[in-house]
């Protein structure tokens, strides 16, 4: 058997070299993927926090709108009551 056809010591060393290069490439890819995941996780955490903040803002705004609608209702009601009272006082003074 010849060492030049991958059947002897040279073929074995060549296979080890190829496998070593593949392992090194996979380790680099794994390192890169982990770094990408860290960046992605940081980004999504920021998005999640902002989204939760918006939900809180929306509920606060809805409460404020409801409060203002109630206040507007009572202002309009009091204005109408004032107008009715003014008309009655005009009629009584005649």
N, C-alpha and C. Protein backbone atom coordinates (compact mmCIF):
# COMPACT_ATOMS: atom_id res chain seq x y z
N UNK A 1 0.83 -1.18 0.00
CA UNK A 1 0.00 0.00 0.00
C UNK A 1 0.87 1.24 0.00
N UNK A 2 0.37 2.23 -0.71
CA UNK A 2 1.14 3.44 -0.86
C UNK A 2 0.67 4.51 0.11
N UNK A 3 1.61 5.31 0.65
CA UNK A 3 1.28 6.39 1.55
C UNK A 3 0.67 7.59 0.81
N UNK A 4 0.77 7.63 -0.47
CA UNK A 4 0.32 8.78 -1.25
C UNK A 4 -1.15 8.69 -1.66
N UNK A 5 -1.81 7.64 -1.37
CA UNK A 5 -3.22 7.47 -1.75
C UNK A 5 -4.16 7.51 -0.55
N UNK A 6 -3.70 7.99 0.55
CA UNK A 6 -4.57 8.13 1.71
C UNK A 6 -4.75 6.86 2.50
N UNK A 7 -3.96 5.85 2.21
CA UNK A 7 -4.14 4.58 2.90
C UNK A 7 -3.14 4.38 4.01
N UNK A 8 -2.15 5.25 4.12
CA UNK A 8 -1.11 5.06 5.12
C UNK A 8 -1.05 6.24 6.06
N UNK A 9 0.14 6.47 6.59
CA UNK A 9 0.36 7.51 7.59
C UNK A 9 0.08 8.90 7.03
N UNK A 10 0.48 9.19 5.79
CA UNK A 10 0.26 10.50 5.20
C UNK A 10 -1.24 10.79 5.04
N UNK A 11 -2.00 9.79 4.63
CA UNK A 11 -3.45 9.95 4.48
C UNK A 11 -4.11 10.23 5.82
N UNK A 12 -3.64 9.55 6.85
CA UNK A 12 -4.20 9.74 8.19
C UNK A 12 -3.91 11.14 8.71
N UNK A 13 -2.67 11.61 8.51
CA UNK A 13 -2.30 12.96 8.95
C UNK A 13 -3.09 14.02 8.17
N UNK A 14 -3.31 13.74 6.89
CA UNK A 14 -4.09 14.67 6.07
C UNK A 14 -5.52 14.74 6.59
N UNK A 15 -6.09 13.62 6.93
CA UNK A 15 -7.46 13.59 7.47
C UNK A 15 -7.53 14.34 8.81
N UNK A 16 -6.52 14.17 9.63
CA UNK A 16 -6.50 14.88 10.92
C UNK A 16 -6.42 16.38 10.68
N UNK A 17 -5.60 16.80 9.73
CA UNK A 17 -5.46 18.22 9.42
C UNK A 17 -6.79 18.79 8.92
N UNK A 18 -7.46 18.07 8.05
CA UNK A 18 -8.76 18.52 7.52
C UNK A 18 -9.78 18.61 8.65
N UNK A 19 -9.83 17.58 9.49
CA UNK A 19 -10.79 17.58 10.60
C UNK A 19 -10.49 18.70 11.59
N UNK A 20 -9.21 18.96 11.85
CA UNK A 20 -8.81 20.04 12.75
C UNK A 20 -9.26 21.38 12.19
N UNK A 21 -9.08 21.56 10.87
CA UNK A 21 -9.52 22.81 10.25
C UNK A 21 -11.04 22.97 10.33
N UNK A 22 -11.75 21.88 10.16
CA UNK A 22 -13.21 21.93 10.26
C UNK A 22 -13.66 22.28 11.68
N UNK A 23 -13.01 21.69 12.67
CA UNK A 23 -13.34 21.99 14.07
C UNK A 23 -13.06 23.45 14.38
N UNK A 24 -11.93 23.97 13.91
CA UNK A 24 -11.60 25.38 14.14
C UNK A 24 -12.62 26.30 13.48
N UNK A 25 -13.04 25.95 12.25
CA UNK A 25 -14.06 26.75 11.56
C UNK A 25 -15.37 26.72 12.32
N UNK A 26 -15.77 25.55 12.80
CA UNK A 26 -17.01 25.43 13.57
C UNK A 26 -16.94 26.20 14.88
N UNK A 27 -15.77 26.19 15.52
CA UNK A 27 -15.60 26.97 16.76
C UNK A 27 -15.74 28.46 16.48
N UNK A 28 -15.18 28.94 15.38
CA UNK A 28 -15.32 30.35 15.00
C UNK A 28 -16.78 30.69 14.73
N UNK A 29 -17.47 29.82 14.01
CA UNK A 29 -18.88 30.05 13.70
C UNK A 29 -19.72 30.07 14.98
N UNK A 30 -19.39 29.16 15.92
CA UNK A 30 -20.11 29.10 17.18
C UNK A 30 -19.88 30.37 17.99
N UNK A 31 -18.65 30.85 18.03
CA UNK A 31 -18.34 32.08 18.74
C UNK A 31 -19.11 33.25 18.14
N UNK A 32 -19.13 33.34 16.81
CA UNK A 32 -19.85 34.41 16.12
C UNK A 32 -21.35 34.32 16.42
N UNK A 33 -21.91 33.12 16.40
CA UNK A 33 -23.34 32.93 16.67
C UNK A 33 -23.68 33.35 18.10
N UNK A 34 -22.82 33.02 19.05
CA UNK A 34 -23.06 33.43 20.44
C UNK A 34 -23.02 34.94 20.58
N UNK A 35 -22.09 35.60 19.90
CA UNK A 35 -22.03 37.06 19.94
C UNK A 35 -23.28 37.67 19.32
N UNK A 36 -23.75 37.08 18.23
CA UNK A 36 -24.98 37.56 17.60
C UNK A 36 -26.17 37.40 18.54
N UNK A 37 -26.22 36.29 19.24
CA UNK A 37 -27.31 36.06 20.19
C UNK A 37 -27.28 37.07 21.33
N UNK A 38 -26.08 37.43 21.80
CA UNK A 38 -25.98 38.44 22.86
C UNK A 38 -26.54 39.77 22.38
N UNK A 39 -26.17 40.16 21.17
CA UNK A 39 -26.66 41.42 20.61
C UNK A 39 -28.18 41.36 20.42
N UNK A 40 -28.65 40.25 19.89
CA UNK A 40 -30.09 40.08 19.66
C UNK A 40 -30.86 40.13 20.98
N UNK A 41 -30.36 39.43 21.99
CA UNK A 41 -31.03 39.43 23.29
C UNK A 41 -31.07 40.83 23.88
N UNK A 42 -29.97 41.56 23.76
CA UNK A 42 -29.93 42.93 24.27
C UNK A 42 -30.96 43.79 23.54
N UNK A 43 -31.02 43.64 22.22
CA UNK A 43 -31.96 44.41 21.40
C UNK A 43 -33.40 44.08 21.78
N UNK A 44 -33.71 42.79 21.91
CA UNK A 44 -35.09 42.39 22.22
C UNK A 44 -35.47 42.77 23.63
N UNK A 45 -34.52 42.76 24.57
CA UNK A 45 -34.82 43.23 25.92
C UNK A 45 -35.21 44.69 25.89
N UNK A 46 -34.48 45.47 25.10
CA UNK A 46 -34.80 46.90 24.98
C UNK A 46 -36.19 47.09 24.38
N UNK A 47 -36.50 46.34 23.33
CA UNK A 47 -37.81 46.42 22.68
C UNK A 47 -38.91 46.03 23.67
N UNK A 48 -38.67 44.96 24.45
CA UNK A 48 -39.68 44.49 25.42
C UNK A 48 -39.94 45.56 26.46
N UNK A 49 -38.89 46.17 26.96
CA UNK A 49 -39.04 47.21 27.97
C UNK A 49 -39.81 48.40 27.40
N UNK A 50 -39.49 48.81 26.17
CA UNK A 50 -40.19 49.92 25.55
C UNK A 50 -41.66 49.57 25.33
N UNK A 51 -41.93 48.36 24.89
CA UNK A 51 -43.31 47.93 24.64
C UNK A 51 -44.11 47.95 25.95
N UNK A 52 -43.51 47.46 27.02
CA UNK A 52 -44.21 47.49 28.31
C UNK A 52 -44.45 48.92 28.76
N UNK A 53 -43.49 49.80 28.48
CA UNK A 53 -43.67 51.22 28.81
C UNK A 53 -44.83 51.83 28.04
N UNK A 54 -44.96 51.45 26.76
CA UNK A 54 -46.07 51.96 25.95
C UNK A 54 -47.40 51.47 26.49
N UNK A 55 -47.45 50.22 26.94
CA UNK A 55 -48.69 49.68 27.49
C UNK A 55 -49.09 50.48 28.72
N UNK A 56 -48.12 50.79 29.57
CA UNK A 56 -48.42 51.60 30.76
C UNK A 56 -48.89 52.99 30.36
N UNK A 57 -48.22 53.59 29.37
CA UNK A 57 -48.62 54.92 28.90
C UNK A 57 -50.04 54.90 28.36
N UNK A 58 -50.38 53.87 27.60
CA UNK A 58 -51.71 53.78 27.00
C UNK A 58 -52.77 53.68 28.10
N UNK A 59 -52.54 52.86 29.11
CA UNK A 59 -53.55 52.74 30.18
C UNK A 59 -53.66 54.04 30.95
N UNK A 60 -52.55 54.72 31.18
CA UNK A 60 -52.61 56.02 31.86
C UNK A 60 -53.37 57.03 31.02
N UNK A 61 -53.12 57.02 29.71
CA UNK A 61 -53.83 57.95 28.83
C UNK A 61 -55.32 57.63 28.77
N UNK A 62 -55.67 56.36 28.74
CA UNK A 62 -57.08 55.98 28.74
C UNK A 62 -57.76 56.45 30.02
N UNK A 63 -57.09 56.31 31.15
CA UNK A 63 -57.65 56.79 32.42
C UNK A 63 -57.83 58.31 32.39
N UNK A 64 -56.84 59.01 31.84
CA UNK A 64 -56.92 60.47 31.76
C UNK A 64 -58.05 60.91 30.84
N UNK A 65 -58.23 60.22 29.71
CA UNK A 65 -59.33 60.54 28.79
C UNK A 65 -60.66 60.34 29.49
N UNK A 66 -60.80 59.25 30.20
CA UNK A 66 -62.05 58.99 30.93
C UNK A 66 -62.31 60.08 31.97
N UNK A 67 -61.27 60.48 32.68
CA UNK A 67 -61.40 61.55 33.67
C UNK A 67 -61.83 62.86 33.02
N UNK A 68 -61.21 63.19 31.89
CA UNK A 68 -61.55 64.44 31.19
C UNK A 68 -62.95 64.39 30.60
N UNK A 69 -63.37 63.24 30.10
CA UNK A 69 -64.74 63.10 29.59
C UNK A 69 -65.75 63.32 30.71
N UNK A 70 -65.47 62.77 31.88
CA UNK A 70 -66.36 62.96 33.03
C UNK A 70 -66.40 64.43 33.42
N UNK A 71 -65.24 65.06 33.47
CA UNK A 71 -65.19 66.47 33.82
C UNK A 71 -65.95 67.32 32.80
N UNK A 72 -65.80 67.01 31.52
CA UNK A 72 -66.51 67.73 30.46
C UNK A 72 -68.02 67.54 30.60
N UNK A 73 -68.44 66.33 30.91
CA UNK A 73 -69.87 66.07 31.11
C UNK A 73 -70.43 66.96 32.21
N UNK A 74 -69.74 67.02 33.34
CA UNK A 74 -70.24 67.82 34.45
C UNK A 74 -70.18 69.32 34.14
N UNK A 75 -69.16 69.75 33.40
CA UNK A 75 -69.09 71.16 33.01
C UNK A 75 -70.27 71.53 32.11
N UNK A 76 -70.56 70.68 31.12
CA UNK A 76 -71.69 70.93 30.23
C UNK A 76 -73.01 70.90 31.00
N UNK A 77 -73.14 69.95 31.91
CA UNK A 77 -74.36 69.85 32.72
C UNK A 77 -74.54 71.10 33.58
N UNK A 78 -73.46 71.54 34.22
CA UNK A 78 -73.53 72.73 35.08
C UNK A 78 -73.83 73.97 34.24
N UNK A 79 -73.29 74.02 33.02
CA UNK A 79 -73.57 75.16 32.14
C UNK A 79 -75.04 75.20 31.78
N UNK A 80 -75.61 74.02 31.44
CA UNK A 80 -77.04 73.96 31.12
C UNK A 80 -77.90 74.32 32.32
N UNK A 81 -77.51 73.85 33.47
CA UNK A 81 -78.26 74.19 34.69
C UNK A 81 -78.20 75.70 34.92
N UNK A 82 -77.01 76.29 34.71
CA UNK A 82 -76.87 77.74 34.86
C UNK A 82 -77.75 78.50 33.89
N UNK A 83 -77.84 78.02 32.65
CA UNK A 83 -78.68 78.66 31.65
C UNK A 83 -80.15 78.58 32.03
N UNK A 84 -80.58 77.42 32.53
CA UNK A 84 -81.97 77.25 32.95
C UNK A 84 -82.27 78.18 34.12
N UNK A 85 -81.37 78.26 35.08
CA UNK A 85 -81.57 79.13 36.24
C UNK A 85 -81.63 80.59 35.80
N UNK A 86 -80.75 80.98 34.87
CA UNK A 86 -80.75 82.36 34.38
C UNK A 86 -82.08 82.68 33.69
N UNK A 87 -82.60 81.74 32.88
CA UNK A 87 -83.87 81.98 32.21
C UNK A 87 -85.00 82.11 33.22
N UNK A 88 -85.00 81.30 34.25
CA UNK A 88 -86.06 81.38 35.27
C UNK A 88 -85.99 82.69 36.04
N UNK A 89 -84.76 83.13 36.33
CA UNK A 89 -84.65 84.40 37.07
C UNK A 89 -85.09 85.55 36.20
N UNK A 90 -84.87 85.49 34.89
CA UNK A 90 -85.33 86.53 33.97
C UNK A 90 -86.86 86.56 33.93
N UNK A 91 -87.46 85.37 33.87
CA UNK A 91 -88.92 85.27 33.83
C UNK A 91 -89.51 85.79 35.13
N UNK A 92 -88.93 85.48 36.25
CA UNK A 92 -89.45 85.91 37.55
C UNK A 92 -89.31 87.42 37.76
N UNK A 93 -88.27 88.03 37.20
CA UNK A 93 -88.05 89.47 37.39
C UNK A 93 -88.95 90.30 36.48
N UNK A 94 -89.60 89.75 35.52
CA UNK A 94 -90.46 90.50 34.61
C UNK A 94 -91.76 90.81 35.23
